[in-house]
Amino acid sequence: MKLLLTAFDPFGGADVNPAEQAVALVPDKVNGIDVVKCTVPTVFYQSIDTVAAAIEAERPHAVLCIGQAGGAADLAVERVGINIDDARIPDNEGNQPIDRRIFPDGENAYFSTLPIKAMAESIRKAGLPAHISNSAGTFVCNHLLYGLLYTLAKRYPHIKGGFIHVPYLPMQAAALPQGAPSMSAEDIAKGIAAAIAAIGETKADTATAEGALY
C-alpha cells in the first residue's frame, strides 16, 4: 500500500508550520505502508493543484493531508470538507476569498473516506490526545480537504482521502502573549504514524461514539 502524506508550508507570517515539521519526521514506511510526502503551498487552488499533481504522479491508495490548527490541544481528525472559502486572513499570495464556492459543480460537502474513528482511536492508543472534528474551518485547510475529496470523487473514486489538524509547536506557543496549547513535532509525527497504521489496518471504520454536542 502507498499513502501520499502532505503538509502545508508556513503561513500568516510564521517561520514554521508544525504540519511540515512533523511530516518530515514520519517514517517513509509505516506498518508496511510506503509513505510518500509532499509540501503544499498555503495558497487557494494552488494547494489543490499541487496535491492533484502528486496523486497523478504517485497513484497512491490513500491521501492524508496535514495542517495547523493554532490553539488546538490535540490531533483533530476531520470528518468533512465544505464547499466554501471565507478567509479571515490572506493566503501566502494575498488571496482572501469571501463567501466563494470552491467548485461550483461540486457537492455542498464531501465526507472523508478514511476510517476517521479508527484513526482517532489509534492516535489515543499511541498515548496522544485526538478527537473527531466536524469543521475544518473555511481557510486553505478546508479548501484543500474539500478539493482533495472533490478530485477523488471525480477522477479517482478508488483512492481514499482525508485530513488531520495538528496543534502549535512549543516554540510557536511560547511566542504568543497568553501562550497556547502545543505539541512537539516528534509527538505529532508519532500521532500521524498511528493514524496511517489505522488506515492500513482498517477495512470498515468503527462505530464508536465520537460525536460532538456543538
C-alpha atoms as a PDB file:
ATOM      1  CA  MET A   1       0.000   0.000   0.000  1.00  0.00           C
ATOM      2  CA  LYS A   2       1.161   3.526  -0.785  1.00  0.00           C
ATOM      3  CA  LEU A   3      -0.014   6.634   1.058  1.00  0.00           C
ATOM      4  CA  LEU A   4       0.534  10.231  -0.013  1.00  0.00           C
ATOM      5  CA  LEU A   5       1.183  12.422   3.052  1.00  0.00           C
ATOM      6  CA  THR A   6       1.011  16.188   2.544  1.00  0.00           C
ATOM      7  CA  ALA A   7       1.800  19.192   4.750  1.00  0.00           C
ATOM      8  CA  PHE A   8       1.370  22.933   4.339  1.00  0.00           C
ATOM      9  CA  ASP A   9       4.265  25.372   4.373  1.00  0.00           C
ATOM     10  CA  PRO A  10       4.372  28.252   6.940  1.00  0.00           C
ATOM     11  CA  PHE A  11       1.709  30.944   6.590  1.00  0.00           C
ATOM     12  CA  GLY A  12       0.378  34.054   8.267  1.00  0.00           C
ATOM     13  CA  GLY A  13       3.875  35.450   8.802  1.00  0.00           C
ATOM     14  CA  ALA A  14       5.090  32.391  10.736  1.00  0.00           C
ATOM     15  CA  ASP A  15       8.539  30.900  10.183  1.00  0.00           C
ATOM     16  CA  VAL A  16       7.428  27.304  10.759  1.00  0.00           C
ATOM     17  CA  ASN A  17       4.392  25.121  10.285  1.00  0.00           C
ATOM     18  CA  PRO A  18       4.012  22.176  12.692  1.00  0.00           C
ATOM     19  CA  ALA A  19       2.464  20.122   9.888  1.00  0.00           C
ATOM     20  CA  GLU A  20       5.569  20.469   7.736  1.00  0.00           C
ATOM     21  CA  GLN A  21       7.932  19.869  10.671  1.00  0.00           C
ATOM     22  CA  ALA A  22       6.097  16.745  11.843  1.00  0.00           C
ATOM     23  CA  VAL A  23       5.539  15.191   8.421  1.00  0.00           C
ATOM     24  CA  ALA A  24       9.286  15.370   7.802  1.00  0.00           C
ATOM     25  CA  LEU A  25       9.728  13.116  10.868  1.00  0.00           C
ATOM     26  CA  VAL A  26       7.171  10.475   9.855  1.00  0.00           C
ATOM     27  CA  PRO A  27       8.977   7.320   8.670  1.00  0.00           C
ATOM     28  CA  ASP A  28       8.919   6.541   4.956  1.00  0.00           C
ATOM     29  CA  LYS A  29       7.426   3.160   5.825  1.00  0.00           C
ATOM     30  CA  VAL A  30       4.720   2.674   8.481  1.00  0.00           C
ATOM     31  CA  ASN A  31       3.482  -0.871   9.186  1.00  0.00           C
ATOM     32  CA  GLY A  32       4.362  -1.910   5.649  1.00  0.00           C
ATOM     33  CA  ILE A  33       2.758   1.198   4.092  1.00  0.00           C
ATOM     34  CA  ASP A  34       5.001   3.195   1.766  1.00  0.00           C
ATOM     35  CA  VAL A  35       4.706   6.878   2.695  1.00  0.00           C
ATOM     36  CA  VAL A  36       5.467   9.494   0.039  1.00  0.00           C
ATOM     37  CA  LYS A  37       5.493  13.139   1.105  1.00  0.00           C
ATOM     38  CA  CYS A  38       4.568  16.427  -0.468  1.00  0.00           C
ATOM     39  CA  THR A  39       4.795  20.020   0.784  1.00  0.00           C
ATOM     40  CA  VAL A  40       1.816  22.118  -0.208  1.00  0.00           C
ATOM     41  CA  PRO A  41       1.697  25.918  -0.634  1.00  0.00           C
ATOM     42  CA  THR A  42      -0.762  27.701   1.654  1.00  0.00           C
ATOM     43  CA  VAL A  43      -2.464  29.211  -1.356  1.00  0.00           C
ATOM     44  CA  PHE A  44      -6.034  28.776  -2.552  1.00  0.00           C
ATOM     45  CA  TYR A  45      -6.292  26.497  -5.629  1.00  0.00           C
ATOM     46  CA  GLN A  46      -2.513  26.055  -5.877  1.00  0.00           C
ATOM     47  CA  SER A  47      -2.801  23.735  -2.900  1.00  0.00           C
ATOM     48  CA  ILE A  48      -5.374  21.576  -4.682  1.00  0.00           C
ATOM     49  CA  ASP A  49      -3.384  21.598  -7.925  1.00  0.00           C
ATOM     50  CA  THR A  50      -0.213  20.536  -6.081  1.00  0.00           C
ATOM     51  CA  VAL A  51      -1.896  17.575  -4.412  1.00  0.00           C
ATOM     52  CA  ALA A  52      -3.732  16.590  -7.603  1.00  0.00           C
ATOM     53  CA  ALA A  53      -0.401  16.524  -9.469  1.00  0.00           C
ATOM     54  CA  ALA A  54       1.152  14.379  -6.734  1.00  0.00           C
ATOM     55  CA  ILE A  55      -1.783  11.951  -6.909  1.00  0.00           C
ATOM     56  CA  GLU A  56      -1.358  11.675 -10.678  1.00  0.00           C
ATOM     57  CA  ALA A  57       2.377  11.062 -10.318  1.00  0.00           C
ATOM     58  CA  GLU A  58       2.308   8.676  -7.357  1.00  0.00           C
ATOM     59  CA  ARG A  59      -1.069   6.899  -7.771  1.00  0.00           C
ATOM     60  CA  PRO A  60      -1.382   6.216  -4.033  1.00  0.00           C
ATOM     61  CA  HIS A  61      -4.028   4.083  -2.389  1.00  0.00           C
ATOM     62  CA  ALA A  62      -4.796   6.825   0.145  1.00  0.00           C
ATOM     63  CA  VAL A  63      -4.070  10.513   0.749  1.00  0.00           C
ATOM     64  CA  LEU A  64      -3.712  12.125   4.168  1.00  0.00           C
ATOM     65  CA  CYS A  65      -3.265  15.902   4.391  1.00  0.00           C
ATOM     66  CA  ILE A  66      -1.931  17.637   7.499  1.00  0.00           C
ATOM     67  CA  GLY A  67      -2.475  21.262   8.549  1.00  0.00           C
ATOM     68  CA  GLN A  68      -2.026  23.566  11.530  1.00  0.00           C
ATOM     69  CA  ALA A  69      -4.874  24.411  13.900  1.00  0.00           C
ATOM     70  CA  GLY A  70      -3.457  27.110  16.157  1.00  0.00           C
ATOM     71  CA  GLY A  71      -4.962  26.871  19.643  1.00  0.00           C
ATOM     72  CA  ALA A  72      -5.909  23.196  19.344  1.00  0.00           C
ATOM     73  CA  ALA A  73      -4.782  20.885  22.128  1.00  0.00           C
ATOM     74  CA  ASP A  74      -4.840  17.600  20.234  1.00  0.00           C
ATOM     75  CA  LEU A  75      -4.846  15.979  16.806  1.00  0.00           C
ATOM     76  CA  ALA A  76      -8.174  16.632  15.100  1.00  0.00           C
ATOM     77  CA  VAL A  77      -9.223  14.029  12.545  1.00  0.00           C
ATOM     78  CA  GLU A  78     -11.514  15.873  10.153  1.00  0.00           C
ATOM     79  CA  ARG A  79     -14.873  14.411   9.157  1.00  0.00           C
ATOM     80  CA  VAL A  80     -15.978  16.774   6.356  1.00  0.00           C
ATOM     81  CA  GLY A  81     -14.882  19.446   3.900  1.00  0.00           C
ATOM     82  CA  ILE A  82     -17.396  22.108   2.871  1.00  0.00           C
ATOM     83  CA  ASN A  83     -17.728  23.940  -0.435  1.00  0.00           C
ATOM     84  CA  ILE A  84     -16.920  27.455   0.771  1.00  0.00           C
ATOM     85  CA  ASP A  85     -13.941  29.775   1.097  1.00  0.00           C
ATOM     86  CA  ASP A  86     -14.291  32.544   3.699  1.00  0.00           C
ATOM     87  CA  ALA A  87     -10.767  33.682   4.545  1.00  0.00           C
ATOM     88  CA  ARG A  88     -10.189  35.670   7.738  1.00  0.00           C
ATOM     89  CA  ILE A  89      -6.610  36.389   6.602  1.00  0.00           C
ATOM     90  CA  PRO A  90      -4.932  36.347   3.159  1.00  0.00           C
ATOM     91  CA  ASP A  91      -3.137  33.246   1.937  1.00  0.00           C
ATOM     92  CA  ASN A  92       0.572  33.307   1.089  1.00  0.00           C
ATOM     93  CA  GLU A  93      -0.084  35.105  -2.202  1.00  0.00           C
ATOM     94  CA  GLY A  94      -2.503  37.684  -0.815  1.00  0.00           C
ATOM     95  CA  ASN A  95      -5.724  35.975  -1.895  1.00  0.00           C
ATOM     96  CA  GLN A  96      -8.628  36.430   0.511  1.00  0.00           C
ATOM     97  CA  PRO A  97     -11.833  34.972  -0.957  1.00  0.00           C
ATOM     98  CA  ILE A  98     -15.034  35.747   0.916  1.00  0.00           C
ATOM     99  CA  ASP A  99     -18.152  33.570   0.688  1.00  0.00           C
ATOM    100  CA  ARG A 100     -16.970  31.888  -2.520  1.00  0.00           C
ATOM    101  CA  ARG A 101     -17.757  28.328  -3.553  1.00  0.00           C
ATOM    102  CA  ILE A 102     -14.640  26.281  -4.195  1.00  0.00           C
ATOM    103  CA  PHE A 103     -16.070  24.291  -7.113  1.00  0.00           C
ATOM    104  CA  PRO A 104     -19.474  25.417  -8.483  1.00  0.00           C
ATOM    105  CA  ASP A 105     -20.179  21.921  -9.789  1.00  0.00           C
ATOM    106  CA  GLY A 106     -19.223  20.215  -6.520  1.00  0.00           C
ATOM    107  CA  GLU A 107     -21.431  18.922  -3.731  1.00  0.00           C
ATOM    108  CA  ASN A 108     -22.069  21.221  -0.764  1.00  0.00           C
ATOM    109  CA  ALA A 109     -19.809  18.928   1.256  1.00  0.00           C
ATOM    110  CA  TYR A 110     -17.749  15.764   0.933  1.00  0.00           C
ATOM    111  CA  PHE A 111     -17.037  13.427   3.821  1.00  0.00           C
ATOM    112  CA  SER A 112     -13.620  11.942   4.486  1.00  0.00           C
ATOM    113  CA  THR A 113     -13.313   8.455   3.050  1.00  0.00           C
ATOM    114  CA  LEU A 114     -10.659   7.409   5.566  1.00  0.00           C
ATOM    115  CA  PRO A 115     -11.551   5.414   8.730  1.00  0.00           C
ATOM    116  CA  ILE A 116     -11.589   8.529  10.904  1.00  0.00           C
ATOM    117  CA  LYS A 117     -12.771   6.907  14.138  1.00  0.00           C
ATOM    118  CA  ALA A 118     -10.223   4.115  13.916  1.00  0.00           C
ATOM    119  CA  MET A 119      -7.571   6.757  13.242  1.00  0.00           C
ATOM    120  CA  ALA A 120      -8.504   8.800  16.311  1.00  0.00           C
ATOM    121  CA  GLU A 121      -8.520   5.671  18.464  1.00  0.00           C
ATOM    122  CA  SER A 122      -5.141   4.584  17.122  1.00  0.00           C
ATOM    123  CA  ILE A 123      -3.667   8.006  17.958  1.00  0.00           C
ATOM    124  CA  ARG A 124      -5.001   7.749  21.508  1.00  0.00           C
ATOM    125  CA  LYS A 125      -3.617   4.224  21.876  1.00  0.00           C
ATOM    126  CA  ALA A 126      -0.237   5.685  20.938  1.00  0.00           C
ATOM    127  CA  GLY A 127      -0.538   7.900  24.021  1.00  0.00           C
ATOM    128  CA  LEU A 128      -1.591  11.141  22.337  1.00  0.00           C
ATOM    129  CA  PRO A 129      -4.877  13.098  22.500  1.00  0.00           C
ATOM    130  CA  ALA A 130      -7.164  13.081  19.474  1.00  0.00           C
ATOM    131  CA  HIS A 131     -10.767  13.722  18.532  1.00  0.00           C
ATOM    132  CA  ILE A 132     -13.081  13.811  15.518  1.00  0.00           C
ATOM    133  CA  SER A 133     -13.600  17.357  14.228  1.00  0.00           C
ATOM    134  CA  ASN A 134     -16.761  18.302  12.372  1.00  0.00           C
ATOM    135  CA  SER A 135     -15.390  21.540  10.898  1.00  0.00           C
ATOM    136  CA  ALA A 136     -12.077  22.104   9.129  1.00  0.00           C
ATOM    137  CA  GLY A 137     -12.668  25.865   9.083  1.00  0.00           C
ATOM    138  CA  THR A 138     -13.009  27.993   5.954  1.00  0.00           C
ATOM    139  CA  PHE A 139      -9.370  28.793   5.159  1.00  0.00           C
ATOM    140  CA  VAL A 140      -6.887  26.848   2.989  1.00  0.00           C
ATOM    141  CA  CYS A 141      -7.066  23.675   5.121  1.00  0.00           C
ATOM    142  CA  ASN A 142     -10.773  23.186   4.424  1.00  0.00           C
ATOM    143  CA  HIS A 143     -10.159  24.355   0.857  1.00  0.00           C
ATOM    144  CA  LEU A 144      -7.638  21.554   0.343  1.00  0.00           C
ATOM    145  CA  LEU A 145      -9.708  18.926   2.139  1.00  0.00           C
ATOM    146  CA  TYR A 146     -12.732  19.770   0.005  1.00  0.00           C
ATOM    147  CA  GLY A 147     -10.628  19.988  -3.158  1.00  0.00           C
ATOM    148  CA  LEU A 148      -8.974  16.651  -2.426  1.00  0.00           C
ATOM    149  CA  LEU A 149     -12.277  14.875  -1.861  1.00  0.00           C
ATOM    150  CA  TYR A 150     -13.796  16.568  -4.942  1.00  0.00           C
ATOM    151  CA  THR A 151     -10.824  15.434  -7.045  1.00  0.00           C
ATOM    152  CA  LEU A 152     -11.008  11.880  -5.726  1.00  0.00           C
ATOM    153  CA  ALA A 153     -14.772  11.676  -6.276  1.00  0.00           C
ATOM    154  CA  LYS A 154     -14.482  12.978  -9.838  1.00  0.00           C
ATOM    155  CA  ARG A 155     -11.293  11.252 -11.014  1.00  0.00           C
ATOM    156  CA  TYR A 156     -10.047   8.636  -8.549  1.00  0.00           C
ATOM    157  CA  PRO A 157     -13.015   7.117  -6.688  1.00  0.00           C
ATOM    158  CA  HIS A 158     -10.883   4.122  -5.642  1.00  0.00           C
ATOM    159  CA  ILE A 159      -8.463   6.346  -3.653  1.00  0.00           C
ATOM    160  CA  LYS A 160      -9.314   7.262  -0.051  1.00  0.00           C
ATOM    161  CA  GLY A 161      -8.648  10.710   1.364  1.00  0.00           C
ATOM    162  CA  GLY A 162      -8.824  12.835   4.484  1.00  0.00           C
ATOM    163  CA  PHE A 163      -7.209  15.444   6.728  1.00  0.00           C
ATOM    164  CA  ILE A 164      -5.777  15.898  10.237  1.00  0.00           C
ATOM    165  CA  HIS A 165      -5.283  19.237  12.003  1.00  0.00           C
ATOM    166  CA  VAL A 166      -2.391  19.478  14.472  1.00  0.00           C
ATOM    167  CA  PRO A 167      -1.500  21.898  17.316  1.00  0.00           C
ATOM    168  CA  TYR A 168       1.173  24.570  17.500  1.00  0.00           C
ATOM    169  CA  LEU A 169       4.767  23.610  18.225  1.00  0.00           C
ATOM    170  CA  PRO A 170       6.006  24.677  21.701  1.00  0.00           C
ATOM    171  CA  MET A 171       8.185  27.392  20.143  1.00  0.00           C
ATOM    172  CA  GLN A 172       5.118  28.910  18.482  1.00  0.00           C
ATOM    173  CA  ALA A 173       3.044  28.794  21.659  1.00  0.00           C
ATOM    174  CA  ALA A 174       5.865  30.353  23.691  1.00  0.00           C
ATOM    175  CA  ALA A 175       5.934  33.352  21.365  1.00  0.00           C
ATOM    176  CA  LEU A 176       2.265  34.190  21.998  1.00  0.00           C
ATOM    177  CA  PRO A 177       1.433  36.695  24.777  1.00  0.00           C
ATOM    178  CA  GLN A 178      -1.016  34.366  26.516  1.00  0.00           C
ATOM    179  CA  GLY A 179       0.575  31.119  25.368  1.00  0.00           C
ATOM    180  CA  ALA A 180      -1.432  28.310  23.765  1.00  0.00           C
ATOM    181  CA  PRO A 181      -1.678  24.512  23.779  1.00  0.00           C
ATOM    182  CA  SER A 182       1.179  22.882  21.889  1.00  0.00           C
ATOM    183  CA  MET A 183       2.750  19.549  20.995  1.00  0.00           C
ATOM    184  CA  SER A 184       6.259  18.607  19.927  1.00  0.00           C
ATOM    185  CA  ALA A 185       6.923  17.772  16.286  1.00  0.00           C
ATOM    186  CA  GLU A 186       8.060  14.327  17.429  1.00  0.00           C
ATOM    187  CA  ASP A 187       4.755  13.617  19.171  1.00  0.00           C
ATOM    188  CA  ILE A 188       2.725  14.982  16.264  1.00  0.00           C
ATOM    189  CA  ALA A 189       4.695  12.701  13.924  1.00  0.00           C
ATOM    190  CA  LYS A 190       4.005   9.762  16.256  1.00  0.00           C
ATOM    191  CA  GLY A 191       0.289  10.537  16.109  1.00  0.00           C
ATOM    192  CA  ILE A 192       0.308  10.825  12.333  1.00  0.00           C
ATOM    193  CA  ALA A 193       2.103   7.486  12.051  1.00  0.00           C
ATOM    194  CA  ALA A 194      -0.509   5.887  14.323  1.00  0.00           C
ATOM    195  CA  ALA A 195      -3.272   7.261  12.087  1.00  0.00           C
ATOM    196  CA  ILE A 196      -1.515   5.899   9.000  1.00  0.00           C
ATOM    197  CA  ALA A 197      -1.247   2.481  10.632  1.00  0.00           C
ATOM    198  CA  ALA A 198      -5.005   2.531  11.255  1.00  0.00           C
ATOM    199  CA  ILE A 199      -5.663   3.422   7.612  1.00  0.00           C
ATOM    200  CA  GLY A 200      -3.752   0.324   6.549  1.00  0.00           C
ATOM    201  CA  GLU A 201      -5.332  -1.983   9.109  1.00  0.00           C
ATOM    202  CA  THR A 202      -8.994  -0.911   8.978  1.00  0.00           C
ATOM    203  CA  LYS A 203     -11.385  -2.448   6.472  1.00  0.00           C
ATOM    204  CA  ALA A 204     -14.510  -0.763   7.859  1.00  0.00           C
ATOM    205  CA  ASP A 205     -14.497   2.091  10.335  1.00  0.00           C
ATOM    206  CA  THR A 206     -15.534   1.504  13.933  1.00  0.00           C
ATOM    207  CA  ALA A 207     -18.975   2.587  15.174  1.00  0.00           C
ATOM    208  CA  THR A 208     -17.786   4.171  18.399  1.00  0.00           C
ATOM    209  CA  ALA A 209     -19.408   7.382  19.663  1.00  0.00           C
ATOM    210  CA  GLU A 210     -17.146  10.282  18.623  1.00  0.00           C
ATOM    211  CA  GLY A 211     -19.785  12.938  18.040  1.00  0.00           C
ATOM    212  CA  ALA A 212     -19.963  16.437  19.479  1.00  0.00           C
ATOM    213  CA  LEU A 213     -22.782  18.292  21.249  1.00  0.00           C
ATOM    214  CA  TYR A 214     -21.977  21.571  19.455  1.00  0.00           C
END
